[in-house]
Amino acid sequence: MEAAITPPETFPHPDDAREYPRYGHPDAEVEQAIRSLLDLMGESDIDDVVREILVTGLKLIDDQATRGDVKLMNSALKELRHASRVFAPYRDRRKITIFGSARTPEDRPEYRMAVDFGRRAARAGFMVITGAGDGIMKAGHEGAGREASFGVNIRLPFHFVEGRKRGVITTIRTPFICERTGGVVGIRRGHFKCSFQRYMECRVA
């Protein structure tokens, strides 16, 4: 005799009449406790997503996940939340990210190009995002100025530069930057690449 398969609980999708499996905790008492906790926080349009975050955290206990794995996930979530708060006041401003070597000296032509590009980007209304390091990253902020600069640093034992107008320290820098930028520029010796839906390339002397 085959075991009966219980279908997952469903809920109506907000955009249409279809129904989708609901992501929840298998223990009804735990699920109710999560809902009660959300009720204490008051109504919000992100309740459903926050509930799933709480469910995921509790499922890690059921999964017997290792402490190291859970610490990694916890750090990622905390850093994303902090970075989101820092960027929130500038959500409506266009941003462009400059990538380049932290070892580029100030007398190099690509350094001067990054300064000029940062200046032009700021004049066009963009904020300039870099990894808050030396070299090309420093040049981009030098051109844009403090009011139009964002430094998104990473925890490394070197290349940390203080003094940017606004800053975020994160171990998951690249995906966070790319999600918030309207264009990506890579400046290196020999080439200059800029991406706004497509790539443009020109030679640096």
C-alpha atoms as a PDB file:
ATOM      1  CA  MET A   1       0.000   0.000   0.000  1.00  0.00           C
ATOM      2  CA  GLU A   2       1.449   3.360  -1.013  1.00  0.00           C
ATOM      3  CA  ALA A   3       1.765   6.088   1.601  1.00  0.00           C
ATOM      4  CA  ALA A   4      -0.523   9.050   1.130  1.00  0.00           C
ATOM      5  CA  ILE A   5       1.206  12.272   0.130  1.00  0.00           C
ATOM      6  CA  THR A   6      -0.145  15.348   1.880  1.00  0.00           C
ATOM      7  CA  PRO A   7      -0.252  18.309  -0.520  1.00  0.00           C
ATOM      8  CA  PRO A   8       1.495  21.476   0.678  1.00  0.00           C
ATOM      9  CA  GLU A   9      -0.600  24.268   2.108  1.00  0.00           C
ATOM     10  CA  THR A  10      -1.379  26.844  -0.542  1.00  0.00           C
ATOM     11  CA  PHE A  11      -2.105  30.538  -0.581  1.00  0.00           C
ATOM     12  CA  PRO A  12      -3.436  32.884  -3.283  1.00  0.00           C
ATOM     13  CA  HIS A  13      -0.820  34.779  -5.219  1.00  0.00           C
ATOM     14  CA  PRO A  14      -1.394  38.546  -4.798  1.00  0.00           C
ATOM     15  CA  ASP A  15      -1.250  39.206  -8.556  1.00  0.00           C
ATOM     16  CA  ASP A  16      -3.637  36.572  -9.834  1.00  0.00           C
ATOM     17  CA  ALA A  17      -5.990  33.776  -8.871  1.00  0.00           C
ATOM     18  CA  ARG A  18      -3.399  30.991  -8.981  1.00  0.00           C
ATOM     19  CA  GLU A  19      -2.306  29.233  -5.833  1.00  0.00           C
ATOM     20  CA  TYR A  20       1.257  28.434  -4.790  1.00  0.00           C
ATOM     21  CA  PRO A  21       2.788  26.170  -2.120  1.00  0.00           C
ATOM     22  CA  ARG A  22       3.381  28.150   1.071  1.00  0.00           C
ATOM     23  CA  TYR A  23       6.833  28.118   2.633  1.00  0.00           C
ATOM     24  CA  GLY A  24       6.377  27.487   6.328  1.00  0.00           C
ATOM     25  CA  HIS A  25       7.555  25.577   9.366  1.00  0.00           C
ATOM     26  CA  PRO A  26       6.262  22.007   9.665  1.00  0.00           C
ATOM     27  CA  ASP A  27       5.468  22.454  13.367  1.00  0.00           C
ATOM     28  CA  ALA A  28       2.084  24.197  13.716  1.00  0.00           C
ATOM     29  CA  GLU A  29       2.947  25.616  17.155  1.00  0.00           C
ATOM     30  CA  VAL A  30       6.179  27.140  15.861  1.00  0.00           C
ATOM     31  CA  GLU A  31       4.339  28.586  12.863  1.00  0.00           C
ATOM     32  CA  GLN A  32       1.773  30.182  15.146  1.00  0.00           C
ATOM     33  CA  ALA A  33       4.515  31.610  17.363  1.00  0.00           C
ATOM     34  CA  ILE A  34       6.125  33.209  14.321  1.00  0.00           C
ATOM     35  CA  ARG A  35       2.829  34.769  13.293  1.00  0.00           C
ATOM     36  CA  SER A  36       2.271  36.066  16.843  1.00  0.00           C
ATOM     37  CA  LEU A  37       5.735  37.636  16.856  1.00  0.00           C
ATOM     38  CA  LEU A  38       4.989  39.419  13.583  1.00  0.00           C
ATOM     39  CA  ASP A  39       1.687  40.670  15.006  1.00  0.00           C
ATOM     40  CA  LEU A  40       3.631  42.304  17.852  1.00  0.00           C
ATOM     41  CA  MET A  41       5.707  44.245  15.285  1.00  0.00           C
ATOM     42  CA  GLY A  42       2.622  45.714  13.630  1.00  0.00           C
ATOM     43  CA  GLU A  43       1.347  45.460  10.078  1.00  0.00           C
ATOM     44  CA  SER A  44       3.861  45.781   7.242  1.00  0.00           C
ATOM     45  CA  ASP A  45       3.956  45.094   3.523  1.00  0.00           C
ATOM     46  CA  ILE A  46       6.990  42.842   4.021  1.00  0.00           C
ATOM     47  CA  ASP A  47       5.419  40.571   6.666  1.00  0.00           C
ATOM     48  CA  ASP A  48       5.295  37.592   4.331  1.00  0.00           C
ATOM     49  CA  VAL A  49       8.990  37.832   3.439  1.00  0.00           C
ATOM     50  CA  VAL A  50      10.131  38.413   7.033  1.00  0.00           C
ATOM     51  CA  ARG A  51       8.076  35.390   8.098  1.00  0.00           C
ATOM     52  CA  GLU A  52       9.971  33.245   5.603  1.00  0.00           C
ATOM     53  CA  ILE A  53      13.287  34.577   6.915  1.00  0.00           C
ATOM     54  CA  LEU A  54      12.273  33.553  10.437  1.00  0.00           C
ATOM     55  CA  VAL A  55      11.136  30.151   9.181  1.00  0.00           C
ATOM     56  CA  THR A  56      14.455  29.643   7.404  1.00  0.00           C
ATOM     57  CA  GLY A  57      16.399  30.481  10.563  1.00  0.00           C
ATOM     58  CA  LEU A  58      14.426  28.000  12.633  1.00  0.00           C
ATOM     59  CA  LYS A  59      14.732  25.306   9.975  1.00  0.00           C
ATOM     60  CA  LEU A  60      18.504  25.515  10.375  1.00  0.00           C
ATOM     61  CA  ILE A  61      17.997  24.038  13.841  1.00  0.00           C
ATOM     62  CA  ASP A  62      15.941  21.203  12.368  1.00  0.00           C
ATOM     63  CA  ASP A  63      18.646  20.685   9.741  1.00  0.00           C
ATOM     64  CA  GLN A  64      21.322  20.448  12.467  1.00  0.00           C
ATOM     65  CA  ALA A  65      23.380  22.916  10.471  1.00  0.00           C
ATOM     66  CA  THR A  66      26.931  23.502  11.662  1.00  0.00           C
ATOM     67  CA  ARG A  67      27.712  26.598  13.717  1.00  0.00           C
ATOM     68  CA  GLY A  68      30.181  27.795  11.091  1.00  0.00           C
ATOM     69  CA  ASP A  69      27.607  27.616   8.281  1.00  0.00           C
ATOM     70  CA  VAL A  70      24.987  29.424  10.351  1.00  0.00           C
ATOM     71  CA  LYS A  71      27.432  32.159  11.372  1.00  0.00           C
ATOM     72  CA  LEU A  72      28.228  32.741   7.694  1.00  0.00           C
ATOM     73  CA  MET A  73      24.534  33.059   6.786  1.00  0.00           C
ATOM     74  CA  ASN A  74      23.895  35.304   9.781  1.00  0.00           C
ATOM     75  CA  SER A  75      26.771  37.633   8.869  1.00  0.00           C
ATOM     76  CA  ALA A  76      25.534  37.883   5.275  1.00  0.00           C
ATOM     77  CA  LEU A  77      22.008  38.796   6.342  1.00  0.00           C
ATOM     78  CA  LYS A  78      23.158  41.360   8.932  1.00  0.00           C
ATOM     79  CA  GLU A  79      25.512  43.006   6.446  1.00  0.00           C
ATOM     80  CA  LEU A  80      22.838  43.176   3.755  1.00  0.00           C
ATOM     81  CA  ARG A  81      20.406  44.752   6.184  1.00  0.00           C
ATOM     82  CA  HIS A  82      22.978  47.327   7.360  1.00  0.00           C
ATOM     83  CA  ALA A  83      24.021  48.197   3.816  1.00  0.00           C
ATOM     84  CA  SER A  84      20.382  48.556   2.793  1.00  0.00           C
ATOM     85  CA  ARG A  85      19.844  51.094   5.584  1.00  0.00           C
ATOM     86  CA  VAL A  86      22.926  53.067   4.542  1.00  0.00           C
ATOM     87  CA  PHE A  87      21.875  53.198   0.887  1.00  0.00           C
ATOM     88  CA  ALA A  88      18.176  53.871   1.588  1.00  0.00           C
ATOM     89  CA  PRO A  89      18.367  57.705   1.714  1.00  0.00           C
ATOM     90  CA  TYR A  90      19.975  57.680  -1.753  1.00  0.00           C
ATOM     91  CA  ARG A  91      17.654  55.152  -3.351  1.00  0.00           C
ATOM     92  CA  ASP A  92      16.416  57.604  -5.968  1.00  0.00           C
ATOM     93  CA  ARG A  93      19.882  58.767  -7.067  1.00  0.00           C
ATOM     94  CA  ARG A  94      21.555  57.033  -9.993  1.00  0.00           C
ATOM     95  CA  LYS A  95      24.804  55.258  -9.192  1.00  0.00           C
ATOM     96  CA  ILE A  96      27.746  53.938 -11.159  1.00  0.00           C
ATOM     97  CA  THR A  97      30.413  51.540  -9.905  1.00  0.00           C
ATOM     98  CA  ILE A  98      34.112  51.864 -10.733  1.00  0.00           C
ATOM     99  CA  PHE A  99      36.304  48.766 -10.517  1.00  0.00           C
ATOM    100  CA  GLY A 100      40.095  48.930 -10.796  1.00  0.00           C
ATOM    101  CA  SER A 101      43.417  48.082  -9.191  1.00  0.00           C
ATOM    102  CA  ALA A 102      44.214  49.369  -5.709  1.00  0.00           C
ATOM    103  CA  ARG A 103      47.894  49.499  -6.723  1.00  0.00           C
ATOM    104  CA  THR A 104      47.614  52.045  -9.543  1.00  0.00           C
ATOM    105  CA  PRO A 105      49.880  55.025  -8.700  1.00  0.00           C
ATOM    106  CA  GLU A 106      48.643  58.580  -9.085  1.00  0.00           C
ATOM    107  CA  ASP A 107      51.004  59.341 -11.982  1.00  0.00           C
ATOM    108  CA  ARG A 108      49.478  56.646 -14.221  1.00  0.00           C
ATOM    109  CA  PRO A 109      47.188  57.726 -17.112  1.00  0.00           C
ATOM    110  CA  GLU A 110      44.466  55.322 -15.977  1.00  0.00           C
ATOM    111  CA  TYR A 111      44.462  56.971 -12.533  1.00  0.00           C
ATOM    112  CA  ARG A 112      43.919  60.364 -14.154  1.00  0.00           C
ATOM    113  CA  MET A 113      41.212  58.857 -16.361  1.00  0.00           C
ATOM    114  CA  ALA A 114      39.404  57.533 -13.284  1.00  0.00           C
ATOM    115  CA  VAL A 115      39.551  60.982 -11.662  1.00  0.00           C
ATOM    116  CA  ASP A 116      38.128  62.567 -14.782  1.00  0.00           C
ATOM    117  CA  PHE A 117      35.454  59.912 -15.156  1.00  0.00           C
ATOM    118  CA  GLY A 118      34.384  60.302 -11.510  1.00  0.00           C
ATOM    119  CA  ARG A 119      34.142  64.072 -11.970  1.00  0.00           C
ATOM    120  CA  ARG A 120      32.052  63.736 -15.136  1.00  0.00           C
ATOM    121  CA  ALA A 121      29.801  61.102 -13.546  1.00  0.00           C
ATOM    122  CA  ALA A 122      29.084  63.360 -10.558  1.00  0.00           C
ATOM    123  CA  ARG A 123      28.302  66.297 -12.838  1.00  0.00           C
ATOM    124  CA  ALA A 124      25.844  64.068 -14.714  1.00  0.00           C
ATOM    125  CA  GLY A 125      24.026  63.317 -11.454  1.00  0.00           C
ATOM    126  CA  PHE A 126      25.537  59.929 -10.629  1.00  0.00           C
ATOM    127  CA  MET A 127      26.934  58.798  -7.305  1.00  0.00           C
ATOM    128  CA  VAL A 128      30.204  56.882  -7.656  1.00  0.00           C
ATOM    129  CA  ILE A 129      30.594  53.543  -5.853  1.00  0.00           C
ATOM    130  CA  THR A 130      33.969  51.846  -5.377  1.00  0.00           C
ATOM    131  CA  GLY A 131      35.523  49.288  -3.068  1.00  0.00           C
ATOM    132  CA  ALA A 132      36.918  52.145  -0.915  1.00  0.00           C
ATOM    133  CA  GLY A 133      40.523  51.172  -1.638  1.00  0.00           C
ATOM    134  CA  ASP A 134      43.529  52.980  -3.069  1.00  0.00           C
ATOM    135  CA  GLY A 135      44.486  53.340  -6.718  1.00  0.00           C
ATOM    136  CA  ILE A 136      41.609  53.488  -9.212  1.00  0.00           C
ATOM    137  CA  MET A 137      39.054  53.372  -6.419  1.00  0.00           C
ATOM    138  CA  LYS A 138      40.577  56.387  -4.691  1.00  0.00           C
ATOM    139  CA  ALA A 139      40.762  58.189  -8.025  1.00  0.00           C
ATOM    140  CA  GLY A 140      37.065  57.655  -8.704  1.00  0.00           C
ATOM    141  CA  HIS A 141      36.132  59.266  -5.398  1.00  0.00           C
ATOM    142  CA  GLU A 142      38.667  62.026  -5.866  1.00  0.00           C
ATOM    143  CA  GLY A 143      36.915  63.024  -9.062  1.00  0.00           C
ATOM    144  CA  ALA A 144      33.366  62.633  -7.777  1.00  0.00           C
ATOM    145  CA  GLY A 145      33.935  64.359  -4.436  1.00  0.00           C
ATOM    146  CA  ARG A 146      32.720  63.301  -1.000  1.00  0.00           C
ATOM    147  CA  GLU A 147      29.066  64.244  -1.513  1.00  0.00           C
ATOM    148  CA  ALA A 148      28.741  61.950  -4.531  1.00  0.00           C
ATOM    149  CA  SER A 149      30.846  59.014  -3.248  1.00  0.00           C
ATOM    150  CA  PHE A 150      30.066  55.640  -1.723  1.00  0.00           C
ATOM    151  CA  GLY A 151      32.765  53.282  -0.451  1.00  0.00           C
ATOM    152  CA  VAL A 152      31.744  49.638  -0.073  1.00  0.00           C
ATOM    153  CA  ASN A 153      34.687  47.984   1.639  1.00  0.00           C
ATOM    154  CA  ILE A 154      35.458  44.339   2.320  1.00  0.00           C
ATOM    155  CA  ARG A 155      37.029  42.836   5.428  1.00  0.00           C
ATOM    156  CA  LEU A 156      40.627  42.189   4.399  1.00  0.00           C
ATOM    157  CA  PRO A 157      43.891  42.712   6.315  1.00  0.00           C
ATOM    158  CA  PHE A 158      44.984  45.311   3.720  1.00  0.00           C
ATOM    159  CA  HIS A 159      43.661  47.982   1.339  1.00  0.00           C
ATOM    160  CA  PHE A 160      41.203  49.486   3.811  1.00  0.00           C
ATOM    161  CA  VAL A 161      40.885  53.235   3.319  1.00  0.00           C
ATOM    162  CA  GLU A 162      39.071  55.530   5.742  1.00  0.00           C
ATOM    163  CA  GLY A 163      37.654  58.928   4.930  1.00  0.00           C
ATOM    164  CA  ARG A 164      34.975  58.287   2.323  1.00  0.00           C
ATOM    165  CA  LYS A 165      31.765  60.270   2.689  1.00  0.00           C
ATOM    166  CA  ARG A 166      29.667  57.171   3.282  1.00  0.00           C
ATOM    167  CA  GLY A 167      30.801  53.627   3.835  1.00  0.00           C
ATOM    168  CA  VAL A 168      29.690  50.036   4.165  1.00  0.00           C
ATOM    169  CA  ILE A 169      31.913  47.159   5.295  1.00  0.00           C
ATOM    170  CA  THR A 170      30.771  43.833   3.898  1.00  0.00           C
ATOM    171  CA  THR A 171      32.071  40.364   3.099  1.00  0.00           C
ATOM    172  CA  ILE A 172      29.645  40.069   0.168  1.00  0.00           C
ATOM    173  CA  ARG A 173      30.566  43.276  -1.597  1.00  0.00           C
ATOM    174  CA  THR A 174      30.256  42.509  -5.299  1.00  0.00           C
ATOM    175  CA  PRO A 175      26.646  41.190  -5.474  1.00  0.00           C
ATOM    176  CA  PHE A 176      25.464  44.045  -3.256  1.00  0.00           C
ATOM    177  CA  ILE A 177      27.138  46.677  -5.424  1.00  0.00           C
ATOM    178  CA  CYS A 178      25.854  45.205  -8.668  1.00  0.00           C
ATOM    179  CA  GLU A 179      22.283  45.105  -7.390  1.00  0.00           C
ATOM    180  CA  ARG A 180      22.319  48.856  -6.697  1.00  0.00           C
ATOM    181  CA  THR A 181      24.288  50.264  -9.594  1.00  0.00           C
ATOM    182  CA  GLY A 182      23.078  51.536 -12.925  1.00  0.00           C
ATOM    183  CA  GLY A 183      26.401  51.001 -14.674  1.00  0.00           C
ATOM    184  CA  VAL A 184      29.762  49.328 -14.150  1.00  0.00           C
ATOM    185  CA  VAL A 185      33.142  50.710 -15.210  1.00  0.00           C
ATOM    186  CA  GLY A 186      36.400  48.762 -15.172  1.00  0.00           C
ATOM    187  CA  ILE A 187      39.617  50.773 -15.593  1.00  0.00           C
ATOM    188  CA  ARG A 188      42.902  48.941 -16.038  1.00  0.00           C
ATOM    189  CA  ARG A 189      46.167  49.450 -17.835  1.00  0.00           C
ATOM    190  CA  GLY A 190      45.586  49.387 -21.566  1.00  0.00           C
ATOM    191  CA  HIS A 191      41.784  49.449 -21.651  1.00  0.00           C
ATOM    192  CA  PHE A 192      38.773  51.267 -20.324  1.00  0.00           C
ATOM    193  CA  LYS A 193      35.467  49.427 -20.230  1.00  0.00           C
ATOM    194  CA  CYS A 194      32.063  50.865 -19.420  1.00  0.00           C
ATOM    195  CA  SER A 195      28.803  48.940 -19.229  1.00  0.00           C
ATOM    196  CA  PHE A 196      25.401  50.569 -19.654  1.00  0.00           C
ATOM    197  CA  GLN A 197      23.446  47.705 -21.163  1.00  0.00           C
ATOM    198  CA  ARG A 198      26.405  47.226 -23.536  1.00  0.00           C
ATOM    199  CA  TYR A 199      30.203  47.556 -23.442  1.00  0.00           C
ATOM    200  CA  MET A 200      32.224  50.398 -24.875  1.00  0.00           C
ATOM    201  CA  GLU A 201      36.002  50.169 -25.057  1.00  0.00           C
ATOM    202  CA  CYS A 202      38.758  52.678 -25.700  1.00  0.00           C
ATOM    203  CA  ARG A 203      42.518  52.591 -25.377  1.00  0.00           C
ATOM    204  CA  VAL A 204      44.334  54.237 -22.485  1.00  0.00           C
ATOM    205  CA  ALA A 205      47.722  55.587 -23.558  1.00  0.00           C
END
